[in-house]
Structure formats: structure tokens, C-alpha cells
Amino acid sequence: MAYGAHRSPLLPPRPDLALARDCEQCLGWGTVVTRDGDHELCHLCQPDPVTDEDTAASGS
């Protein structure tokens, strides 16, 4: 039986590096590491895809 790190079924988020270029929170990476060690999009420079969909659906 082989032992090792388990592969996460989720792919890491793909940030827009053009938006992240001058961000002081993520230092240009577009992602931040949570306390649990997970990568998530930076809340300051990356748009929230759920918010964008809600805005498009409402016609704003």
C-alpha cells in the first residue's frame, strides 16, 4: 500500500494577475493562503464570480 499526500480533487483558484499586480494584500499573486492551508482568491483584488453573476442576472 502506498502512502503519501492525498491529491485534492479541487483545482487551485486561477487569479487574474493583471488585477493582482499592485495588490498589497496578496503581493501580486492573486491568491492568499487561509489558516487551513488552502489557497483562495484575494478578496481585495479579485472579483467574486458569484457577485458578478448576480449583477448580470439583475441587469445592473
Protein backbone atom coordinates (compact mmCIF):
# COMPACT_ATOMS: atom_id res chain seq x y z
CA MET A 1 0.00 0.00 0.00
CA ALA A 2 1.40 3.38 -0.98
CA TYR A 3 1.45 6.28 1.43
CA GLY A 4 1.76 9.92 0.59
CA ALA A 5 -0.06 13.16 0.23
CA HIS A 6 -3.61 12.92 -0.96
CA ARG A 7 -4.42 14.82 -4.09
CA SER A 8 -7.10 17.44 -3.70
CA PRO A 9 -9.99 16.96 -6.13
CA LEU A 10 -10.32 20.74 -6.44
CA LEU A 11 -8.00 22.77 -8.60
CA PRO A 12 -6.45 25.88 -7.07
CA PRO A 13 -8.18 29.13 -7.99
CA ARG A 14 -6.95 30.94 -11.11
CA PRO A 15 -6.50 34.62 -10.35
CA ASP A 16 -6.34 37.46 -12.86
CA LEU A 17 -2.71 38.51 -12.43
CA ALA A 18 -3.31 41.85 -14.16
CA LEU A 19 -5.71 42.78 -11.33
CA ALA A 20 -3.31 41.46 -8.69
CA ARG A 21 -0.24 43.34 -9.93
CA ASP A 22 -0.30 46.19 -7.37
CA CYS A 23 -2.25 44.49 -4.56
CA GLU A 24 -0.66 44.84 -1.14
CA GLN A 25 -2.77 42.05 0.38
CA CYS A 26 -1.65 39.20 -1.91
CA LEU A 27 1.59 40.83 -3.11
CA GLY A 28 0.67 40.33 -6.75
CA TRP A 29 -0.13 36.61 -6.54
CA GLY A 30 -3.92 36.98 -6.68
CA THR A 31 -4.41 34.34 -4.01
CA VAL A 32 -3.98 34.18 -0.25
CA VAL A 33 -3.39 31.15 1.98
CA THR A 34 -6.01 30.53 4.67
CA ARG A 35 -5.28 29.30 8.19
CA ASP A 36 -6.16 25.81 6.98
CA GLY A 37 -3.50 25.99 4.27
CA ASP A 38 -5.95 26.36 1.39
CA HIS A 39 -5.47 28.86 -1.42
CA GLU A 40 -8.34 31.22 -2.15
CA LEU A 41 -8.69 34.28 -4.35
CA CYS A 42 -7.66 37.57 -2.78
CA HIS A 43 -10.75 39.43 -1.57
CA LEU A 44 -9.26 42.83 -2.36
CA CYS A 45 -8.17 42.50 -5.97
CA GLN A 46 -10.09 39.55 -7.42
CA PRO A 47 -13.76 39.85 -8.33
CA ASP A 48 -16.19 37.42 -6.72
CA PRO A 49 -17.69 35.24 -9.50
CA VAL A 50 -20.98 34.82 -7.58
CA THR A 51 -21.38 38.59 -7.26
CA ASP A 52 -20.67 39.08 -10.97
CA GLU A 53 -23.35 36.52 -11.91
CA ASP A 54 -25.90 38.14 -9.59
CA THR A 55 -25.18 41.55 -11.10
CA ALA A 56 -25.52 40.23 -14.67
CA ALA A 57 -28.76 38.43 -13.84
CA SER A 58 -30.33 41.57 -12.34
CA GLY A 59 -29.36 43.63 -15.38
CA SER A 60 -27.37 46.22 -13.40
